[in-house]
N, C-alpha and C. Protein backbone atom coordinates (compact mmCIF):
# COMPACT_ATOMS: atom_id res chain seq x y z
N MET A 1 112.96 15.73 103.53
CA MET A 1 113.18 17.16 103.23
C MET A 1 113.93 17.53 102.19
N GLY A 2 113.32 18.46 101.28
CA GLY A 2 113.93 18.87 99.72
C GLY A 2 115.22 19.74 100.08
N ILE A 3 115.49 19.96 98.94
CA ILE A 3 117.01 21.00 98.91
C ILE A 3 116.65 22.00 99.58
N GLU A 4 115.65 22.72 99.02
CA GLU A 4 115.33 24.02 99.49
C GLU A 4 115.16 24.30 101.03
N GLU A 5 114.54 23.44 101.44
CA GLU A 5 114.24 23.45 103.02
C GLU A 5 115.35 23.09 103.69
N ARG A 6 116.34 22.28 102.95
CA ARG A 6 117.40 21.91 103.86
C ARG A 6 118.65 23.21 103.53
N ARG A 7 118.43 23.83 102.54
CA ARG A 7 119.28 25.07 102.37
C ARG A 7 118.76 25.91 103.27
N GLU A 8 117.54 26.29 103.64
CA GLU A 8 117.04 27.11 104.50
C GLU A 8 117.32 26.88 105.81
N ARG A 9 117.32 25.69 106.29
CA ARG A 9 117.62 25.14 107.48
C ARG A 9 119.14 25.58 107.89
N GLU A 10 120.15 25.24 106.82
CA GLU A 10 121.46 25.48 107.06
C GLU A 10 121.77 26.94 107.14
N LYS A 11 120.99 27.85 106.41
CA LYS A 11 120.86 29.25 106.37
C LYS A 11 120.68 29.64 107.88
N GLN A 12 119.49 29.29 108.24
CA GLN A 12 119.34 29.99 109.82
C GLN A 12 120.08 29.43 110.66
N GLN A 13 120.65 28.10 110.64
CA GLN A 13 121.72 27.64 111.71
C GLN A 13 122.88 28.56 111.45
N MET A 14 123.39 28.93 110.68
CA MET A 14 124.82 29.68 110.48
C MET A 14 124.47 31.02 110.94
N ARG A 15 123.13 31.49 110.55
CA ARG A 15 122.66 32.94 111.28
C ARG A 15 122.89 32.77 112.51
N GLN A 16 122.16 31.88 113.21
CA GLN A 16 122.16 31.62 114.86
C GLN A 16 123.49 31.55 115.02
N GLY A 17 124.51 30.91 114.67
CA GLY A 17 125.71 30.56 114.91
C GLY A 17 126.49 32.01 115.04
N ILE A 18 126.42 32.69 114.05
CA ILE A 18 127.12 34.16 114.19
C ILE A 18 126.22 35.03 115.34
N LEU A 19 125.13 34.78 115.18
CA LEU A 19 124.56 35.80 116.78
C LEU A 19 125.13 35.20 117.85
N GLU A 20 125.28 34.01 118.10
CA GLU A 20 125.71 33.17 119.15
C GLU A 20 127.00 33.54 119.38
N ALA A 21 127.84 33.58 118.19
CA ALA A 21 129.24 33.92 118.40
C ALA A 21 129.69 35.37 119.05
N ALA A 22 128.77 36.48 118.27
CA ALA A 22 128.68 37.83 118.83
C ALA A 22 128.66 37.94 120.11
N ARG A 23 127.55 37.23 120.69
CA ARG A 23 127.12 37.45 122.08
C ARG A 23 128.37 36.89 123.07
N GLN A 24 128.93 35.92 122.75
CA GLN A 24 129.85 35.26 123.29
C GLN A 24 131.12 36.21 123.67
N ILE A 25 131.43 36.44 122.21
CA ILE A 25 132.80 37.74 122.40
C ILE A 25 132.12 38.81 123.27
N ALA A 26 131.11 39.25 123.07
CA ALA A 26 130.78 40.46 124.06
C ALA A 26 130.84 39.99 125.41
N ARG A 27 130.06 39.17 125.77
CA ARG A 27 130.19 38.58 127.16
C ARG A 27 131.66 38.18 127.59
N GLN A 28 132.55 37.91 126.96
CA GLN A 28 133.94 37.71 127.31
C GLN A 28 134.67 39.06 127.39
N VAL A 29 134.34 40.00 126.56
CA VAL A 29 135.17 41.37 126.51
C VAL A 29 134.21 42.22 126.41
N SER A 30 133.73 42.73 125.38
CA SER A 30 132.66 43.90 125.48
C SER A 30 132.43 43.91 124.01
N TRP A 31 131.16 44.49 123.76
CA TRP A 31 130.42 44.99 122.65
C TRP A 31 131.69 45.81 121.28
N ALA A 32 132.28 46.41 122.03
CA ALA A 32 133.19 47.47 121.44
C ALA A 32 134.33 46.68 120.66
N LYS A 33 134.72 45.34 121.00
CA LYS A 33 135.79 44.61 120.73
C LYS A 33 135.02 43.70 119.68
N VAL A 34 133.48 43.68 119.47
CA VAL A 34 133.08 42.66 118.43
C VAL A 34 133.27 43.05 117.14
N THR A 35 133.93 42.37 116.39
CA THR A 35 133.88 42.70 114.98
C THR A 35 133.70 41.80 114.04
N ILE A 36 133.45 42.22 112.70
CA ILE A 36 132.88 40.81 111.66
C ILE A 36 134.09 40.01 111.67
N ARG A 37 135.45 40.48 111.63
CA ARG A 37 136.64 39.60 111.37
C ARG A 37 136.66 38.78 112.63
N ARG A 38 136.56 38.96 113.93
CA ARG A 38 136.72 38.32 114.98
C ARG A 38 135.31 37.32 114.92
N ILE A 39 134.14 37.73 114.63
CA ILE A 39 133.37 36.61 114.68
C ILE A 39 133.70 35.51 113.85
N ALA A 40 133.93 36.11 112.65
CA ALA A 40 134.58 35.20 111.47
C ALA A 40 135.50 34.28 111.98
N GLU A 41 136.56 34.72 112.76
CA GLU A 41 137.38 33.71 113.19
C GLU A 41 136.73 32.79 114.36
N GLU A 42 135.96 33.35 115.23
CA GLU A 42 135.37 32.57 116.26
C GLU A 42 134.69 31.22 115.45
N ILE A 43 133.68 31.55 114.42
CA ILE A 43 133.24 30.40 113.83
C ILE A 43 133.94 29.80 112.85
N GLU A 44 135.14 30.00 112.53
CA GLU A 44 136.27 29.08 111.66
C GLU A 44 135.55 29.66 110.21
N TYR A 45 135.23 30.70 109.97
CA TYR A 45 134.48 31.18 108.44
C TYR A 45 135.38 32.54 107.91
N SER A 46 135.26 32.83 106.76
CA SER A 46 135.68 34.07 106.47
C SER A 46 134.86 34.96 106.38
N PRO A 47 135.50 36.21 106.80
CA PRO A 47 134.30 37.62 106.79
C PRO A 47 133.29 37.66 105.69
N PRO A 48 133.57 37.39 104.47
CA PRO A 48 132.52 37.67 103.57
C PRO A 48 131.27 36.20 103.85
N THR A 49 131.45 35.71 104.42
CA THR A 49 130.56 34.70 104.76
C THR A 49 129.57 35.07 105.68
N ILE A 50 129.92 35.92 106.83
CA ILE A 50 129.29 36.79 107.65
C ILE A 50 128.20 37.89 106.81
N TYR A 51 128.93 38.53 105.86
CA TYR A 51 128.18 39.37 105.12
C TYR A 51 127.28 38.63 104.22
N GLU A 52 127.31 37.64 104.14
CA GLU A 52 126.18 37.01 103.49
C GLU A 52 124.86 37.02 104.29
N HIS A 53 125.11 36.84 105.39
CA HIS A 53 123.96 37.05 106.41
C HIS A 53 123.58 38.25 107.41
N PHE A 54 124.60 39.26 107.30
CA PHE A 54 124.29 40.50 107.86
C PHE A 54 125.01 41.47 107.20
N GLU A 55 124.63 42.74 106.55
CA GLU A 55 125.44 43.56 105.64
C GLU A 55 126.39 44.33 106.60
N SER A 56 126.19 44.54 107.60
CA SER A 56 127.04 45.23 108.56
C SER A 56 127.08 44.89 110.04
N LYS A 57 127.71 45.13 110.95
CA LYS A 57 127.81 45.09 112.20
C LYS A 57 126.64 45.53 113.08
N GLU A 58 126.29 46.84 112.37
CA GLU A 58 125.05 47.44 113.16
C GLU A 58 123.99 46.48 112.94
N ALA A 59 123.82 45.96 111.50
CA ALA A 59 122.55 45.06 111.25
C ALA A 59 122.56 43.80 112.32
N LEU A 60 123.77 43.57 112.60
CA LEU A 60 123.87 42.38 113.44
C LEU A 60 123.45 42.73 114.86
N LEU A 61 124.10 43.66 115.21
CA LEU A 61 123.32 44.09 116.52
C LEU A 61 121.87 44.50 116.73
N LYS A 62 121.43 44.97 115.69
CA LYS A 62 120.01 45.30 115.87
C LYS A 62 119.15 44.01 115.69
N GLU A 63 119.64 42.86 115.35
CA GLU A 63 118.89 41.38 115.23
C GLU A 63 119.09 41.23 116.72
N ILE A 64 120.35 41.28 117.43
CA ILE A 64 120.67 40.81 118.59
C ILE A 64 119.62 41.68 119.77
N ALA A 65 119.70 42.91 119.39
CA ALA A 65 118.66 43.56 120.12
C ALA A 65 117.35 43.13 120.27
N ARG A 66 116.68 42.98 118.85
CA ARG A 66 115.40 42.32 118.83
C ARG A 66 115.06 41.24 119.49
N GLU A 67 116.23 40.31 119.35
CA GLU A 67 116.09 38.83 120.26
C GLU A 67 116.00 39.27 121.81
N GLY A 68 116.78 40.20 122.23
CA GLY A 68 116.81 40.28 123.55
C GLY A 68 115.47 41.06 123.99
N PHE A 69 114.91 41.82 123.21
CA PHE A 69 113.61 42.28 123.49
C PHE A 69 112.55 41.26 123.50
N ARG A 70 112.74 40.43 122.56
CA ARG A 70 111.70 39.35 122.46
C ARG A 70 111.73 38.13 124.08
N ARG A 71 112.74 38.22 124.31
CA ARG A 71 113.24 37.52 125.19
C ARG A 71 112.60 38.07 126.98
N LEU A 72 113.12 39.37 126.86
CA LEU A 72 112.74 40.22 127.97
C LEU A 72 110.98 40.16 128.10
N LEU A 73 110.21 40.38 126.79
CA LEU A 73 108.91 40.64 126.99
C LEU A 73 108.32 39.08 127.38
N LEU A 74 108.76 38.04 126.92
CA LEU A 74 108.21 36.57 127.52
C LEU A 74 108.60 36.61 129.23
N GLU A 75 109.70 37.07 129.84
CA GLU A 75 109.88 37.14 131.26
C GLU A 75 108.94 38.13 131.88
N LEU A 76 108.61 39.18 131.26
CA LEU A 76 107.54 40.11 131.69
C LEU A 76 106.34 39.80 131.82
N ARG A 77 105.81 38.89 130.88
CA ARG A 77 104.33 38.10 130.56
C ARG A 77 104.40 37.12 131.63
N SER A 78 105.34 36.30 132.00
CA SER A 78 105.61 35.12 132.81
C SER A 78 105.33 35.69 134.37
N ALA A 79 106.40 36.86 134.64
CA ALA A 79 106.24 37.49 135.79
C ALA A 79 104.88 38.03 136.35
N GLN A 80 104.22 38.95 135.46
CA GLN A 80 102.78 39.42 135.45
C GLN A 80 101.74 38.39 135.85
N LYS A 81 102.02 37.13 135.39
CA LYS A 81 101.24 36.19 135.74
C LYS A 81 100.84 35.74 136.99
N GLU A 82 101.62 36.11 137.89
CA GLU A 82 101.86 35.44 139.20
C GLU A 82 100.87 36.16 140.11
N ASN A 83 100.16 37.43 139.73
CA ASN A 83 99.63 38.21 141.10
C ASN A 83 98.51 39.06 140.17
N ASP A 84 97.39 38.94 140.71
CA ASP A 84 96.21 39.72 140.32
C ASP A 84 96.28 40.96 140.87
N ASP A 85 97.01 41.41 142.18
CA ASP A 85 97.21 42.84 142.72
C ASP A 85 98.16 43.60 141.78
N PRO A 86 97.68 45.00 141.27
CA PRO A 86 98.49 45.50 140.31
C PRO A 86 99.42 46.16 140.82
N GLU A 87 99.95 46.55 142.15
CA GLU A 87 101.19 47.14 142.79
C GLU A 87 101.96 45.89 142.47
N LYS A 88 101.67 44.59 142.94
CA LYS A 88 102.49 43.45 143.09
C LYS A 88 102.82 43.13 141.64
N ARG A 89 101.92 43.36 140.59
CA ARG A 89 102.16 42.89 139.21
C ARG A 89 103.19 43.96 138.82
N PHE A 90 103.24 45.04 139.11
CA PHE A 90 104.28 46.37 138.63
C PHE A 90 105.50 45.79 139.47
N LEU A 91 105.58 45.49 140.73
CA LEU A 91 106.78 45.35 141.38
C LEU A 91 107.45 43.99 140.62
N ASP A 92 106.47 42.80 140.52
CA ASP A 92 107.05 41.68 139.77
C ASP A 92 107.54 42.04 138.22
N SER A 93 107.02 43.17 137.54
CA SER A 93 107.96 43.51 136.32
C SER A 93 109.27 44.09 136.47
N CYS A 94 108.84 45.03 137.61
CA CYS A 94 110.62 45.69 138.07
C CYS A 94 111.34 44.39 138.18
N ARG A 95 111.17 43.65 138.81
CA ARG A 95 111.97 42.24 139.18
C ARG A 95 112.41 41.59 138.03
N ALA A 96 111.45 41.32 136.95
CA ALA A 96 111.78 40.86 135.71
C ALA A 96 112.80 41.21 135.06
N TYR A 97 112.44 42.51 135.02
CA TYR A 97 113.38 43.59 134.05
C TYR A 97 114.85 43.33 134.76
N TRP A 98 115.01 43.52 135.89
CA TRP A 98 116.28 43.61 136.81
C TRP A 98 116.93 42.06 136.59
N ARG A 99 116.19 41.18 136.85
CA ARG A 99 116.68 40.03 136.68
C ARG A 99 117.15 39.35 135.22
N PHE A 100 116.29 39.88 134.22
CA PHE A 100 116.74 39.67 132.72
C PHE A 100 118.35 40.41 132.66
N ALA A 101 118.30 41.83 133.00
CA ALA A 101 119.55 42.44 132.60
C ALA A 101 120.41 41.99 133.28
N VAL A 102 120.46 41.38 134.39
CA VAL A 102 121.85 40.98 135.25
C VAL A 102 122.25 39.80 134.47
N ALA A 103 120.99 38.79 134.15
CA ALA A 103 121.67 37.46 133.66
C ALA A 103 122.05 37.63 132.02
N ASN A 104 121.46 38.57 131.46
CA ASN A 104 122.03 38.67 130.15
C ASN A 104 122.31 40.10 129.73
N PRO A 105 123.77 40.42 130.19
CA PRO A 105 124.42 41.90 130.25
C PRO A 105 124.68 42.09 128.71
N GLU A 106 125.08 40.94 128.14
CA GLU A 106 125.39 41.14 126.47
C GLU A 106 124.00 41.78 125.94
N PHE A 107 122.81 41.06 126.02
CA PHE A 107 121.73 41.28 125.62
C PHE A 107 121.57 42.92 125.89
N TYR A 108 121.29 42.97 127.41
CA TYR A 108 121.10 44.10 127.97
C TYR A 108 121.73 45.76 127.06
N GLU A 109 122.82 45.42 127.12
CA GLU A 109 123.75 46.38 126.75
C GLU A 109 123.38 46.83 125.49
N VAL A 110 123.23 45.85 124.52
CA VAL A 110 122.89 46.19 122.81
C VAL A 110 121.72 46.37 122.89
N MET A 111 120.87 46.09 123.61
CA MET A 111 119.25 46.82 123.42
C MET A 111 119.29 48.41 123.71
N HIS A 112 120.08 48.64 124.44
CA HIS A 112 120.27 50.25 124.87
C HIS A 112 121.38 50.74 124.02
N LEU A 113 122.32 50.31 123.79
CA LEU A 113 123.19 50.90 122.80
C LEU A 113 122.53 51.45 121.22
N GLN A 114 121.73 50.50 120.85
CA GLN A 114 121.15 50.63 119.73
C GLN A 114 120.25 51.74 119.30
N LYS A 115 119.50 52.35 120.78
CA LYS A 115 118.48 53.18 120.72
C LYS A 115 117.77 53.15 119.66
N PRO A 116 116.89 51.84 119.94
CA PRO A 116 115.77 51.43 118.83
C PRO A 116 114.50 52.25 118.58
N LEU A 117 113.91 52.69 119.75
CA LEU A 117 113.07 53.76 119.43
C LEU A 117 113.06 55.12 118.67
N GLN A 118 114.41 55.44 118.70
CA GLN A 118 115.00 56.81 118.25
C GLN A 118 115.38 56.30 116.63
N ASP A 119 116.13 55.30 116.34
CA ASP A 119 116.79 55.29 114.97
C ASP A 119 116.19 54.38 114.00
N ASP A 120 115.22 53.32 114.56
CA ASP A 120 114.75 52.43 113.48
C ASP A 120 113.25 52.97 113.01
N PRO A 121 113.54 53.02 111.51
CA PRO A 121 112.51 53.66 110.84
C PRO A 121 111.10 52.59 111.30
N ASP A 122 111.13 51.56 111.55
CA ASP A 122 110.05 50.75 112.10
C ASP A 122 109.61 50.86 113.30
N LYS A 123 110.55 51.30 114.33
CA LYS A 123 110.29 51.75 115.63
C LYS A 123 110.65 50.46 116.23
N MET A 124 111.47 49.36 115.87
CA MET A 124 111.84 48.27 116.35
C MET A 124 110.41 47.58 117.07
N ALA A 125 109.51 46.86 116.56
CA ALA A 125 108.10 46.24 117.09
C ALA A 125 108.73 45.64 118.38
N GLU A 126 109.74 44.70 118.50
CA GLU A 126 110.15 43.99 119.60
C GLU A 126 109.90 44.92 120.77
N ALA A 127 110.82 46.08 120.71
CA ALA A 127 110.80 47.18 121.78
C ALA A 127 109.69 47.69 122.15
N GLN A 128 108.96 48.05 121.11
CA GLN A 128 107.58 48.87 121.51
C GLN A 128 106.52 47.63 122.26
N GLN A 129 106.70 46.47 121.91
CA GLN A 129 105.86 45.75 122.79
C GLN A 129 106.44 45.45 124.10
N VAL A 130 107.73 45.49 124.32
CA VAL A 130 108.07 45.58 125.83
C VAL A 130 107.41 46.91 126.25
N PHE A 131 107.78 48.01 125.58
CA PHE A 131 107.20 49.48 126.22
C PHE A 131 105.87 48.89 126.57
N ASP A 132 105.24 48.54 125.83
CA ASP A 132 103.49 48.53 125.81
C ASP A 132 103.16 47.40 127.18
N GLN A 133 103.96 46.39 127.05
CA GLN A 133 103.63 45.58 128.31
C GLN A 133 103.75 46.14 129.60
N MET A 134 104.93 46.91 129.74
CA MET A 134 105.41 47.58 130.92
C MET A 134 104.13 48.80 131.25
N GLY A 135 103.64 49.58 130.06
CA GLY A 135 102.80 50.49 130.05
C GLY A 135 101.49 50.25 130.44
N ASN A 136 101.12 48.93 130.24
CA ASN A 136 99.81 48.54 130.71
C ASN A 136 99.62 48.07 131.99
N THR A 137 100.69 47.78 132.66
CA THR A 137 101.07 47.17 133.86
C THR A 137 100.91 48.30 134.71
N ALA A 138 101.47 49.57 134.21
CA ALA A 138 101.72 50.84 134.93
C ALA A 138 100.33 51.49 134.82
N ARG A 139 99.47 51.39 133.82
CA ARG A 139 98.06 51.82 133.95
C ARG A 139 97.17 51.35 134.80
N GLU A 140 97.44 49.91 135.02
CA GLU A 140 96.36 49.05 135.72
C GLU A 140 96.94 49.29 137.45
N LEU A 141 97.97 49.91 137.57
CA LEU A 141 98.27 50.22 138.70
C LEU A 141 97.77 51.82 139.19
N LEU A 142 97.90 52.81 138.18
CA LEU A 142 97.54 54.30 138.43
C LEU A 142 95.76 54.07 138.32
N GLN A 143 95.22 53.03 137.64
CA GLN A 143 93.85 52.90 137.75
C GLN A 143 93.29 52.67 139.61
N THR A 144 93.90 51.78 139.94
CA THR A 144 93.52 51.33 141.20
C THR A 144 94.11 52.19 142.39
N HIS A 145 94.99 53.08 141.99
CA HIS A 145 95.87 53.80 143.01
C HIS A 145 95.86 55.40 142.17
N PRO A 146 94.51 56.03 142.24
CA PRO A 146 94.42 57.17 141.65
C PRO A 146 95.30 58.27 142.44
N ALA A 147 95.72 58.09 143.66
CA ALA A 147 96.31 59.01 144.67
C ALA A 147 97.73 59.26 144.26
N LEU A 148 98.36 58.24 143.19
CA LEU A 148 99.55 58.41 142.73
C LEU A 148 99.77 59.54 141.93
N GLY A 149 98.31 60.14 141.38
CA GLY A 149 98.40 61.26 140.63
C GLY A 149 99.30 61.54 139.56
N ARG A 150 99.90 60.59 138.77
CA ARG A 150 100.83 60.59 137.94
C ARG A 150 100.27 59.81 136.49
N THR A 151 100.80 60.35 135.52
CA THR A 151 100.21 59.30 133.95
C THR A 151 101.44 58.20 134.08
N HIS A 152 100.87 57.05 133.45
CA HIS A 152 101.78 55.73 133.05
C HIS A 152 103.08 56.39 132.46
N HIS A 153 102.98 57.24 131.85
CA HIS A 153 104.58 57.62 131.13
C HIS A 153 105.46 58.08 132.22
N ASP A 154 104.79 58.99 132.93
CA ASP A 154 105.69 59.59 134.21
C ASP A 154 106.06 58.56 135.20
N LEU A 155 105.35 57.57 135.22
CA LEU A 155 105.57 56.46 136.20
C LEU A 155 106.76 55.60 135.60
N LEU A 156 106.69 55.26 134.35
CA LEU A 156 107.63 54.22 133.26
C LEU A 156 109.07 55.22 133.32
N THR A 157 108.72 56.36 133.09
CA THR A 157 110.11 57.09 133.00
C THR A 157 110.91 57.24 134.34
N ALA A 158 110.12 57.34 135.32
CA ALA A 158 110.93 57.48 136.47
C ALA A 158 111.39 56.13 136.80
N VAL A 159 110.52 55.00 136.66
CA VAL A 159 111.08 53.55 137.17
C VAL A 159 112.16 52.99 136.31
N TRP A 160 112.08 53.36 134.86
CA TRP A 160 113.15 52.88 134.15
C TRP A 160 114.25 53.55 134.48
N GLY A 161 114.32 54.93 134.66
CA GLY A 161 115.45 55.87 134.91
C GLY A 161 116.18 55.29 136.12
N LEU A 162 115.40 54.80 137.17
CA LEU A 162 115.81 54.21 138.33
C LEU A 162 116.64 52.61 138.36
N LEU A 163 115.78 52.00 137.34
CA LEU A 163 116.29 50.74 137.24
C LEU A 163 117.55 50.86 136.52
N HIS A 164 117.82 51.26 135.42
CA HIS A 164 118.64 51.33 134.61
C HIS A 164 119.83 51.89 135.52
N GLY A 165 119.60 53.00 136.03
CA GLY A 165 120.76 53.96 136.73
C GLY A 165 121.54 52.63 137.76
N LEU A 166 120.31 52.05 138.64
CA LEU A 166 120.79 51.06 139.67
C LEU A 166 121.69 49.78 139.00
N LEU A 167 121.25 49.61 137.62
CA LEU A 167 121.94 48.52 137.09
C LEU A 167 123.29 48.86 136.43
N LEU A 168 123.37 49.98 136.31
CA LEU A 168 124.90 50.44 135.63
C LEU A 168 125.64 50.48 136.90
N LEU A 169 125.38 51.15 137.72
CA LEU A 169 125.93 50.99 139.02
C LEU A 169 126.51 49.60 139.71
N SER A 170 125.41 49.00 139.64
CA SER A 170 125.97 47.47 140.03
C SER A 170 126.70 46.83 138.99
N SER A 171 126.70 47.14 137.85
CA SER A 171 127.53 46.29 136.84
C SER A 171 129.04 46.65 137.15
N GLU A 172 129.27 47.85 137.59
CA GLU A 172 130.39 48.50 138.00
C GLU A 172 130.75 48.20 139.22
N GLY A 173 130.14 47.41 139.85
CA GLY A 173 130.65 47.02 141.27
C GLY A 173 130.39 48.10 142.34
N ARG A 174 129.61 49.05 142.00
CA ARG A 174 129.64 50.34 142.65
C ARG A 174 128.73 50.53 144.01
N ILE A 175 127.93 49.30 144.12
CA ILE A 175 126.89 49.37 145.13
C ILE A 175 127.46 48.12 146.21
N GLU A 176 127.55 48.73 147.47
CA GLU A 176 128.07 47.90 148.21
C GLU A 176 127.39 46.97 148.79
N GLY A 177 128.02 45.75 149.09
CA GLY A 177 126.98 44.54 149.38
C GLY A 177 126.62 43.39 148.11
N GLY A 178 127.22 43.93 146.97
CA GLY A 178 127.07 43.23 145.69
C GLY A 178 125.75 43.06 144.92
N PRO A 179 125.65 41.96 144.03
CA PRO A 179 124.35 42.01 143.30
C PRO A 179 122.87 41.84 144.42
N ALA A 180 123.08 41.12 144.96
CA ALA A 180 121.89 41.01 145.93
C ALA A 180 121.48 41.92 146.60
N GLN A 181 122.24 42.84 146.97
CA GLN A 181 122.09 44.18 147.82
C GLN A 181 121.76 45.33 146.96
N ALA A 182 122.26 44.63 145.54
CA ALA A 182 121.62 45.84 144.42
C ALA A 182 120.15 45.79 144.22
N GLU A 183 119.73 44.43 144.23
CA GLU A 183 118.32 44.23 143.69
C GLU A 183 117.50 44.53 144.75
N ALA A 184 118.10 44.29 146.14
CA ALA A 184 117.06 44.49 147.29
C ALA A 184 117.14 46.38 147.38
N VAL A 185 117.96 47.05 147.01
CA VAL A 185 117.93 48.57 146.78
C VAL A 185 116.97 48.87 146.08
N MET A 186 117.12 48.29 144.81
CA MET A 186 115.82 48.29 143.56
C MET A 186 114.49 48.39 144.34
N GLU A 187 114.05 47.15 144.61
CA GLU A 187 113.06 46.85 145.12
C GLU A 187 112.40 48.11 146.12
N GLN A 188 113.33 48.10 147.15
CA GLN A 188 112.98 49.05 148.22
C GLN A 188 112.64 50.46 147.70
N THR A 189 113.68 51.04 146.44
CA THR A 189 113.48 52.23 146.15
C THR A 189 112.08 52.46 145.24
N VAL A 190 111.83 51.44 144.40
CA VAL A 190 110.72 51.29 143.62
C VAL A 190 109.54 51.29 144.54
N GLN A 191 109.63 50.71 145.61
CA GLN A 191 108.31 50.77 146.59
C GLN A 191 108.39 52.24 147.33
N ASP A 192 109.61 52.85 147.58
CA ASP A 192 109.54 54.23 148.25
C ASP A 192 109.00 55.22 147.36
N LEU A 193 109.27 55.40 146.09
CA LEU A 193 108.78 56.02 144.79
C LEU A 193 107.31 56.07 145.08
N LEU A 194 106.84 54.77 144.89
CA LEU A 194 105.21 54.74 144.56
C LEU A 194 104.64 55.36 146.38
N CYS A 195 105.39 55.03 147.54
CA CYS A 195 104.85 55.48 148.69
C CYS A 195 104.90 57.08 148.58
N ALA A 196 106.10 57.53 148.10
CA ALA A 196 105.97 59.08 148.12
C ALA A 196 105.28 59.65 147.51
N TRP A 197 104.89 58.93 146.11
CA TRP A 197 103.66 59.77 145.31
C TRP A 197 102.46 59.72 145.71
N ARG A 198 101.89 58.84 146.53
CA ARG A 198 100.76 58.62 147.25
C ARG A 198 100.66 59.73 148.14
N GLY A 199 101.47 60.50 148.55
CA GLY A 199 101.88 61.54 149.31
C GLY A 199 101.17 61.28 151.00
């Protein structure tokens, strides 16, 4: 391995170490308490070292959001392979989304804190891929169940609102029965929504 290749590898390792430290701090406390100085202390480097890799905390958060969307996309694709039935595929997508958010709260929080589709000039391609993946599944469902009488945008908006709201309540411990019951409520509510839209 040449000098340039080694330097690039070391640079990427440092970058990943910074991102991992930020995530660990967020998981232990909150994103509000993640600072460049605190990350530097965590990895035992000076703040200027962090700025060599990320120009600001916002740039660091954006990269973490990108990684979160990449991981969520993989989860969705894996879940959607399990069934050929469009309705089951849609429900599997909802379950995958839910379980990703529960297992990765530090990712999920920053993915939504960043409002990627509103404030990013390039619309954060990773976020758009997740929305497209869910959108395709919603289209398949609507094509086979025209009685639902909605556009895929309507369906996604309703279901994302439902998921996000229940996830927030669950994270605050406000759903009686704990996480398992919260997931059961989510599944039943999505199914009830589809049933109600069929009329």
